[in-house]
Amino acid sequence: EAARVQLRRVAPTLSPERTARGLSGGEAQA
């Protein structure tokens, strides 16, 4: 739940269920 709150703040367009493999550099930073 805490992770979802921060994800919505930092990377609102990024799917939480997506695997981290294949993230762009900017997405990985977020």
Full PDB file with SEQRES, HELIX, SHEET, SSBOND, CRYST1, ORIGX, SCALE, CONECT and MASTER records, all heavy atoms in Angstrom:
SEQRES   1 A   30  GLU ALA ALA ARG VAL GLN LEU ARG ARG VAL ALA PRO THR          
SEQRES   2 A   30  LEU SER PRO GLU ARG THR ALA ARG GLY LEU SER GLY GLY          
SEQRES   3 A   30  GLU ALA GLN ALA                                              
HELIX    1 AA1 ALA A    2  VAL A   10  1                                   9    
HELIX    2 AA2 GLY A   25  GLN A   29  1                                   5    
CRYST1    1.000    1.000    1.000  90.00  90.00  90.00 P 1           1          
ORIGX1      1.000000  0.000000  0.000000        0.00000                         
ORIGX2      0.000000  1.000000  0.000000        0.00000                         
ORIGX3      0.000000  0.000000  1.000000        0.00000                         
SCALE1      1.000000  0.000000  0.000000        0.00000                         
SCALE2      0.000000  1.000000  0.000000        0.00000                         
SCALE3      0.000000  0.000000  1.000000        0.00000                         
ATOM      1  N   GLU A   1       0.837  -1.210   0.000  1.00  0.00           N  
ATOM      2  CA  GLU A   1       0.000   0.000   0.000  1.00  0.00           C  
ATOM      3  C   GLU A   1       0.872   1.262   0.000  1.00  0.00           C  
ATOM      4  O   GLU A   1       0.625   2.212  -0.750  1.00  0.00           O  
ATOM      5  CB  GLU A   1      -0.912  -0.005   1.217  1.00  0.00           C  
ATOM      6  CG  GLU A   1      -1.822   1.206   1.313  1.00  0.00           C  
ATOM      7  CD  GLU A   1      -2.660   1.198   2.579  1.00  0.00           C  
ATOM      8  OE1 GLU A   1      -2.792   0.120   3.201  1.00  0.00           O  
ATOM      9  OE2 GLU A   1      -3.174   2.272   2.942  1.00  0.00           O  
ATOM     10  N   ALA A   2       1.917   1.258   0.843  1.00  0.00           N  
ATOM     11  CA  ALA A   2       2.832   2.405   0.900  1.00  0.00           C  
ATOM     12  C   ALA A   2       3.548   2.591  -0.432  1.00  0.00           C  
ATOM     13  O   ALA A   2       3.766   3.719  -0.888  1.00  0.00           O  
ATOM     14  CB  ALA A   2       3.844   2.210   2.025  1.00  0.00           C  
ATOM     15  N   ALA A   3       3.901   1.475  -1.080  1.00  0.00           N  
ATOM     16  CA  ALA A   3       4.581   1.545  -2.368  1.00  0.00           C  
ATOM     17  C   ALA A   3       3.676   2.129  -3.439  1.00  0.00           C  
ATOM     18  O   ALA A   3       4.118   2.924  -4.280  1.00  0.00           O  
ATOM     19  CB  ALA A   3       5.064   0.157  -2.778  1.00  0.00           C  
ATOM     20  N   ARG A   4       2.408   1.764  -3.415  1.00  0.00           N  
ATOM     21  CA  ARG A   4       1.466   2.308  -4.406  1.00  0.00           C  
ATOM     22  C   ARG A   4       1.322   3.815  -4.265  1.00  0.00           C  
ATOM     23  O   ARG A   4       1.230   4.545  -5.257  1.00  0.00           O  
ATOM     24  CB  ARG A   4       0.102   1.625  -4.263  1.00  0.00           C  
ATOM     25  CG  ARG A   4       0.055   0.202  -4.763  1.00  0.00           C  
ATOM     26  CD  ARG A   4      -1.359  -0.358  -4.754  1.00  0.00           C  
ATOM     27  NE  ARG A   4      -1.362  -1.783  -5.028  1.00  0.00           N  
ATOM     28  CZ  ARG A   4      -1.296  -2.305  -6.245  1.00  0.00           C  
ATOM     29  NH1 ARG A   4      -1.243  -1.507  -7.301  1.00  0.00           N  
ATOM     30  NH2 ARG A   4      -1.303  -3.618  -6.412  1.00  0.00           N  
ATOM     31  N   VAL A   5       1.308   4.295  -3.043  1.00  0.00           N  
ATOM     32  CA  VAL A   5       1.188   5.739  -2.799  1.00  0.00           C  
ATOM     33  C   VAL A   5       2.361   6.477  -3.432  1.00  0.00           C  
ATOM     34  O   VAL A   5       2.184   7.490  -4.132  1.00  0.00           O  
ATOM     35  CB  VAL A   5       1.126   6.023  -1.287  1.00  0.00           C  
ATOM     36  CG1 VAL A   5       1.281   7.524  -1.018  1.00  0.00           C  
ATOM     37  CG2 VAL A   5      -0.186   5.524  -0.705  1.00  0.00           C  
ATOM     38  N   GLN A   6       3.578   5.987  -3.210  1.00  0.00           N  
ATOM     39  CA  GLN A   6       4.756   6.654  -3.772  1.00  0.00           C  
ATOM     40  C   GLN A   6       4.821   6.514  -5.284  1.00  0.00           C  
ATOM     41  O   GLN A   6       5.229   7.453  -5.981  1.00  0.00           O  
ATOM     42  CB  GLN A   6       6.040   6.124  -3.121  1.00  0.00           C  
ATOM     43  CG  GLN A   6       6.163   6.421  -1.645  1.00  0.00           C  
ATOM     44  CD  GLN A   6       6.187   7.912  -1.336  1.00  0.00           C  
ATOM     45  OE1 GLN A   6       6.359   8.761  -2.213  1.00  0.00           O  
ATOM     46  NE2 GLN A   6       5.990   8.253  -0.068  1.00  0.00           N  
ATOM     47  N   LEU A   7       4.416   5.370  -5.795  1.00  0.00           N  
ATOM     48  CA  LEU A   7       4.417   5.191  -7.257  1.00  0.00           C  
ATOM     49  C   LEU A   7       3.454   6.161  -7.933  1.00  0.00           C  
ATOM     50  O   LEU A   7       3.764   6.720  -8.987  1.00  0.00           O  
ATOM     51  CB  LEU A   7       4.057   3.749  -7.621  1.00  0.00           C  
ATOM     52  CG  LEU A   7       5.217   2.795  -7.866  1.00  0.00           C  
ATOM     53  CD1 LEU A   7       4.694   1.385  -8.116  1.00  0.00           C  
ATOM     54  CD2 LEU A   7       6.088   3.261  -9.025  1.00  0.00           C  
ATOM     55  N   ARG A   8       2.285   6.342  -7.350  1.00  0.00           N  
ATOM     56  CA  ARG A   8       1.320   7.286  -7.930  1.00  0.00           C  
ATOM     57  C   ARG A   8       1.892   8.701  -7.931  1.00  0.00           C  
ATOM     58  O   ARG A   8       1.617   9.489  -8.842  1.00  0.00           O  
ATOM     59  CB  ARG A   8       0.000   7.244  -7.156  1.00  0.00           C  
ATOM     60  CG  ARG A   8      -0.861   6.040  -7.474  1.00  0.00           C  
ATOM     61  CD  ARG A   8      -2.284   6.224  -6.974  1.00  0.00           C  
ATOM     62  NE  ARG A   8      -2.363   6.306  -5.523  1.00  0.00           N  
ATOM     63  CZ  ARG A   8      -2.554   5.257  -4.732  1.00  0.00           C  
ATOM     64  NH1 ARG A   8      -2.680   4.030  -5.259  1.00  0.00           N  
ATOM     65  NH2 ARG A   8      -2.623   5.411  -3.419  1.00  0.00           N  
ATOM     66  N   ARG A   9       2.697   9.014  -6.933  1.00  0.00           N  
ATOM     67  CA  ARG A   9       3.291  10.349  -6.846  1.00  0.00           C  
ATOM     68  C   ARG A   9       4.446  10.507  -7.827  1.00  0.00           C  
ATOM     69  O   ARG A   9       4.575  11.535  -8.499  1.00  0.00           O  
ATOM     70  CB  ARG A   9       3.771  10.600  -5.417  1.00  0.00           C  
ATOM     71  CG  ARG A   9       4.532  11.910  -5.235  1.00  0.00           C  
ATOM     72  CD  ARG A   9       4.974  12.100  -3.803  1.00  0.00           C  
ATOM     73  NE  ARG A   9       3.852  12.460  -2.944  1.00  0.00           N  
ATOM     74  CZ  ARG A   9       3.449  11.761  -1.884  1.00  0.00           C  
ATOM     75  NH1 ARG A   9       4.079  10.642  -1.575  1.00  0.00           N  
ATOM     76  NH2 ARG A   9       2.432  12.162  -1.158  1.00  0.00           N  
ATOM     77  N   VAL A  10       5.315   9.497  -7.911  1.00  0.00           N  
ATOM     78  CA  VAL A  10       6.568   9.626  -8.659  1.00  0.00           C  
ATOM     79  C   VAL A  10       6.419   9.202 -10.121  1.00  0.00           C  
ATOM     80  O   VAL A  10       6.989   9.832 -11.014  1.00  0.00           O  
ATOM     81  CB  VAL A  10       7.683   8.785  -7.982  1.00  0.00           C  
ATOM     82  CG1 VAL A  10       8.982   8.852  -8.780  1.00  0.00           C  
ATOM     83  CG2 VAL A  10       7.924   9.269  -6.558  1.00  0.00           C  
ATOM     84  N   ALA A  11       5.666   8.146 -10.380  1.00  0.00           N  
ATOM     85  CA  ALA A  11       5.553   7.605 -11.744  1.00  0.00           C  
ATOM     86  C   ALA A  11       4.099   7.208 -12.019  1.00  0.00           C  
ATOM     87  O   ALA A  11       3.780   6.025 -12.134  1.00  0.00           O  
ATOM     88  CB  ALA A  11       6.481   6.402 -11.915  1.00  0.00           C  
ATOM     89  N   PRO A  12       3.204   8.180 -12.133  1.00  0.00           N  
ATOM     90  CA  PRO A  12       1.770   7.882 -12.231  1.00  0.00           C  
ATOM     91  C   PRO A  12       1.366   7.117 -13.480  1.00  0.00           C  
ATOM     92  O   PRO A  12       0.323   6.460 -13.481  1.00  0.00           O  
ATOM     93  CB  PRO A  12       1.123   9.273 -12.191  1.00  0.00           C  
ATOM     94  CG  PRO A  12       2.192  10.217 -12.629  1.00  0.00           C  
ATOM     95  CD  PRO A  12       3.469   9.639 -12.133  1.00  0.00           C  
ATOM     96  N   THR A  13       2.162   7.180 -14.540  1.00  0.00           N  
ATOM     97  CA  THR A  13       1.788   6.490 -15.782  1.00  0.00           C  
ATOM     98  C   THR A  13       2.423   5.110 -15.905  1.00  0.00           C  
ATOM     99  O   THR A  13       2.161   4.394 -16.882  1.00  0.00           O  
ATOM    100  CB  THR A  13       2.196   7.331 -17.007  1.00  0.00           C  
ATOM    101  OG1 THR A  13       3.623   7.478 -17.029  1.00  0.00           O  
ATOM    102  CG2 THR A  13       1.547   8.706 -16.956  1.00  0.00           C  
ATOM    103  N   LEU A  14       3.236   4.722 -14.938  1.00  0.00           N  
ATOM    104  CA  LEU A  14       3.940   3.438 -15.009  1.00  0.00           C  
ATOM    105  C   LEU A  14       3.114   2.348 -14.336  1.00  0.00           C  
ATOM    106  O   LEU A  14       2.671   2.504 -13.197  1.00  0.00           O  
ATOM    107  CB  LEU A  14       5.301   3.559 -14.318  1.00  0.00           C  
ATOM    108  CG  LEU A  14       6.303   2.419 -14.499  1.00  0.00           C  
ATOM    109  CD1 LEU A  14       6.640   2.221 -15.969  1.00  0.00           C  
ATOM    110  CD2 LEU A  14       7.566   2.713 -13.699  1.00  0.00           C  
ATOM    111  N   SER A  15       2.898   1.238 -15.040  1.00  0.00           N  
ATOM    112  CA  SER A  15       2.109   0.141 -14.479  1.00  0.00           C  
ATOM    113  C   SER A  15       2.850  -0.517 -13.313  1.00  0.00           C  
ATOM    114  O   SER A  15       3.992  -0.962 -13.468  1.00  0.00           O  
ATOM    115  CB  SER A  15       1.838  -0.923 -15.543  1.00  0.00           C  
ATOM    116  OG  SER A  15       1.295  -2.095 -14.951  1.00  0.00           O  
ATOM    117  N   PRO A  16       2.223  -0.621 -12.141  1.00  0.00           N  
ATOM    118  CA  PRO A  16       2.879  -1.250 -10.992  1.00  0.00           C  
ATOM    119  C   PRO A  16       3.195  -2.722 -11.208  1.00  0.00           C  
ATOM    120  O   PRO A  16       4.104  -3.264 -10.568  1.00  0.00           O  
ATOM    121  CB  PRO A  16       1.850  -1.084  -9.860  1.00  0.00           C  
ATOM    122  CG  PRO A  16       0.940   0.004 -10.310  1.00  0.00           C  
ATOM    123  CD  PRO A  16       0.904  -0.098 -11.799  1.00  0.00           C  
ATOM    124  N   GLU A  17       2.435  -3.366 -12.101  1.00  0.00           N  
ATOM    125  CA  GLU A  17       2.624  -4.798 -12.315  1.00  0.00           C  
ATOM    126  C   GLU A  17       3.682  -5.122 -13.370  1.00  0.00           C  
ATOM    127  O   GLU A  17       4.052  -6.280 -13.545  1.00  0.00           O  
ATOM    128  CB  GLU A  17       1.292  -5.446 -12.727  1.00  0.00           C  
ATOM    129  CG  GLU A  17       0.133  -5.121 -11.801  1.00  0.00           C  
ATOM    130  CD  GLU A  17       0.466  -5.339 -10.326  1.00  0.00           C  
ATOM    131  OE1 GLU A  17       1.147  -6.326 -10.014  1.00  0.00           O  
ATOM    132  OE2 GLU A  17       0.059  -4.512  -9.497  1.00  0.00           O  
ATOM    133  N   ARG A  18       4.169  -4.128 -14.044  1.00  0.00           N  
ATOM    134  CA  ARG A  18       5.220  -4.337 -15.038  1.00  0.00           C  
ATOM    135  C   ARG A  18       6.505  -4.799 -14.359  1.00  0.00           C  
ATOM    136  O   ARG A  18       6.837  -4.334 -13.264  1.00  0.00           O  
ATOM    137  CB  ARG A  18       5.460  -3.032 -15.785  1.00  0.00           C  
ATOM    138  CG  ARG A  18       6.507  -3.088 -16.868  1.00  0.00           C  
ATOM    139  CD  ARG A  18       6.597  -1.746 -17.564  1.00  0.00           C  
ATOM    140  NE  ARG A  18       7.750  -1.648 -18.426  1.00  0.00           N  
ATOM    141  CZ  ARG A  18       8.101  -0.537 -19.073  1.00  0.00           C  
ATOM    142  NH1 ARG A  18       7.372   0.558 -18.945  1.00  0.00           N  
ATOM    143  NH2 ARG A  18       9.161  -0.530 -19.854  1.00  0.00           N  
ATOM    144  N   THR A  19       7.239  -5.724 -14.986  1.00  0.00           N  
ATOM    145  CA  THR A  19       8.505  -6.129 -14.399  1.00  0.00           C  
ATOM    146  C   THR A  19       9.545  -5.035 -14.619  1.00  0.00           C  
ATOM    147  O   THR A  19       9.458  -4.266 -15.578  1.00  0.00           O  
ATOM    148  CB  THR A  19       9.020  -7.444 -14.996  1.00  0.00           C  
ATOM    149  OG1 THR A  19       9.184  -7.276 -16.408  1.00  0.00           O  
ATOM    150  CG2 THR A  19       8.067  -8.591 -14.720  1.00  0.00           C  
ATOM    151  N   ALA A  20      10.516  -4.983 -13.724  1.00  0.00           N  
ATOM    152  CA  ALA A  20      11.537  -3.940 -13.809  1.00  0.00           C  
ATOM    153  C   ALA A  20      12.460  -4.146 -15.003  1.00  0.00           C  
ATOM    154  O   ALA A  20      13.079  -3.198 -15.480  1.00  0.00           O  
ATOM    155  CB  ALA A  20      12.351  -3.899 -12.526  1.00  0.00           C  
ATOM    156  N   ARG A  21      12.527  -5.387 -15.489  1.00  0.00           N  
ATOM    157  CA  ARG A  21      13.345  -5.649 -16.678  1.00  0.00           C  
ATOM    158  C   ARG A  21      12.783  -4.876 -17.867  1.00  0.00           C  
ATOM    159  O   ARG A  21      11.605  -4.899 -18.155  1.00  0.00           O  
ATOM    160  CB  ARG A  21      13.357  -7.135 -16.998  1.00  0.00           C  
ATOM    161  CG  ARG A  21      14.231  -7.520 -18.197  1.00  0.00           C  
ATOM    162  CD  ARG A  21      14.126  -8.995 -18.520  1.00  0.00           C  
ATOM    163  NE  ARG A  21      14.753  -9.813 -17.481  1.00  0.00           N  
ATOM    164  CZ  ARG A  21      14.091 -10.577 -16.619  1.00  0.00           C  
ATOM    165  NH1 ARG A  21      12.752 -10.606 -16.665  1.00  0.00           N  
ATOM    166  NH2 ARG A  21      14.719 -11.288 -15.722  1.00  0.00           N  
ATOM    167  N   GLY A  22      13.638  -4.149 -18.562  1.00  0.00           N  
ATOM    168  CA  GLY A  22      13.205  -3.426 -19.740  1.00  0.00           C  
ATOM    169  C   GLY A  22      12.768  -1.997 -19.483  1.00  0.00           C  
ATOM    170  O   GLY A  22      12.369  -1.303 -20.429  1.00  0.00           O  
ATOM    171  N   LEU A  23      12.832  -1.547 -18.235  1.00  0.00           N  
ATOM    172  CA  LEU A  23      12.515  -0.144 -17.969  1.00  0.00           C  
ATOM    173  C   LEU A  23      13.530   0.762 -18.654  1.00  0.00           C  
ATOM    174  O   LEU A  23      14.717   0.434 -18.738  1.00  0.00           O  
ATOM    175  CB  LEU A  23      12.536   0.140 -16.464  1.00  0.00           C  
ATOM    176  CG  LEU A  23      11.440  -0.488 -15.599  1.00  0.00           C  
ATOM    177  CD1 LEU A  23      11.716  -0.180 -14.131  1.00  0.00           C  
ATOM    178  CD2 LEU A  23      10.065  -0.003 -16.008  1.00  0.00           C  
ATOM    179  N   SER A  24      13.083   1.900 -19.126  1.00  0.00           N  
ATOM    180  CA  SER A  24      14.019   2.887 -19.662  1.00  0.00           C  
ATOM    181  C   SER A  24      14.832   3.483 -18.512  1.00  0.00           C  
ATOM    182  O   SER A  24      14.509   3.300 -17.329  1.00  0.00           O  
ATOM    183  CB  SER A  24      13.264   3.999 -20.383  1.00  0.00           C  
ATOM    184  OG  SER A  24      12.551   4.789 -19.447  1.00  0.00           O  
ATOM    185  N   GLY A  25      15.872   4.219 -18.857  1.00  0.00           N  
ATOM    186  CA  GLY A  25      16.695   4.834 -17.824  1.00  0.00           C  
ATOM    187  C   GLY A  25      15.907   5.763 -16.928  1.00  0.00           C  
ATOM    188  O   GLY A  25      16.036   5.739 -15.700  1.00  0.00           O  
ATOM    189  N   GLY A  26      15.052   6.595 -17.546  1.00  0.00           N  
ATOM    190  CA  GLY A  26      14.238   7.517 -16.771  1.00  0.00           C  
ATOM    191  C   GLY A  26      13.227   6.803 -15.893  1.00  0.00           C  
ATOM    192  O   GLY A  26      12.980   7.212 -14.747  1.00  0.00           O  
ATOM    193  N   GLU A  27      12.630   5.732 -16.410  1.00  0.00           N  
ATOM    194  CA  GLU A  27      11.676   4.947 -15.618  1.00  0.00           C  
ATOM    195  C   GLU A  27      12.367   4.287 -14.434  1.00  0.00           C  
ATOM    196  O   GLU A  27      11.829   4.269 -13.319  1.00  0.00           O  
ATOM    197  CB  GLU A  27      11.006   3.897 -16.505  1.00  0.00           C  
ATOM    198  CG  GLU A  27      10.032   4.469 -17.514  1.00  0.00           C  
ATOM    199  CD  GLU A  27       9.560   3.451 -18.527  1.00  0.00           C  
ATOM    200  OE1 GLU A  27      10.276   2.435 -18.753  1.00  0.00           O  
ATOM    201  OE2 GLU A  27       8.478   3.663 -19.114  1.00  0.00           O  
ATOM    202  N   ALA A  28      13.565   3.759 -14.669  1.00  0.00           N  
ATOM    203  CA  ALA A  28      14.314   3.125 -13.575  1.00  0.00           C  
ATOM    204  C   ALA A  28      14.657   4.139 -12.491  1.00  0.00           C  
ATOM    205  O   ALA A  28      14.598   3.832 -11.292  1.00  0.00           O  
ATOM    206  CB  ALA A  28      15.582   2.468 -14.115  1.00  0.00           C  
ATOM    207  N   GLN A  29      14.998   5.360 -12.896  1.00  0.00           N  
ATOM    208  CA  GLN A  29      15.284   6.408 -11.909  1.00  0.00           C  
ATOM    209  C   GLN A  29      14.042   6.711 -11.075  1.00  0.00           C  
ATOM    210  O   GLN A  29      14.129   6.875  -9.854  1.00  0.00           O  
ATOM    211  CB  GLN A  29      15.771   7.677 -12.608  1.00  0.00           C  
ATOM    212  CG  GLN A  29      17.229   7.629 -13.019  1.00  0.00           C  
ATOM    213  CD  GLN A  29      17.630   8.866 -13.796  1.00  0.00           C  
ATOM    214  OE1 GLN A  29      17.678   8.854 -15.010  1.00  0.00           O  
ATOM    215  NE2 GLN A  29      17.928   9.939 -13.089  1.00  0.00           N  
ATOM    216  N   ALA A  30      12.903   6.805 -11.727  1.00  0.00           N  
ATOM    217  CA  ALA A  30      11.661   7.093 -11.008  1.00  0.00           C  
ATOM    218  C   ALA A  30      11.327   5.975 -10.019  1.00  0.00           C  
ATOM    219  O   ALA A  30      10.928   6.236  -8.880  1.00  0.00           O  
ATOM    220  CB  ALA A  30      10.513   7.299 -11.994  1.00  0.00           C  
TER     221      ALA A  30                                                      
MASTER        0    0    0    2    0    0    0    6  220    1    0    3          
END                                                                             
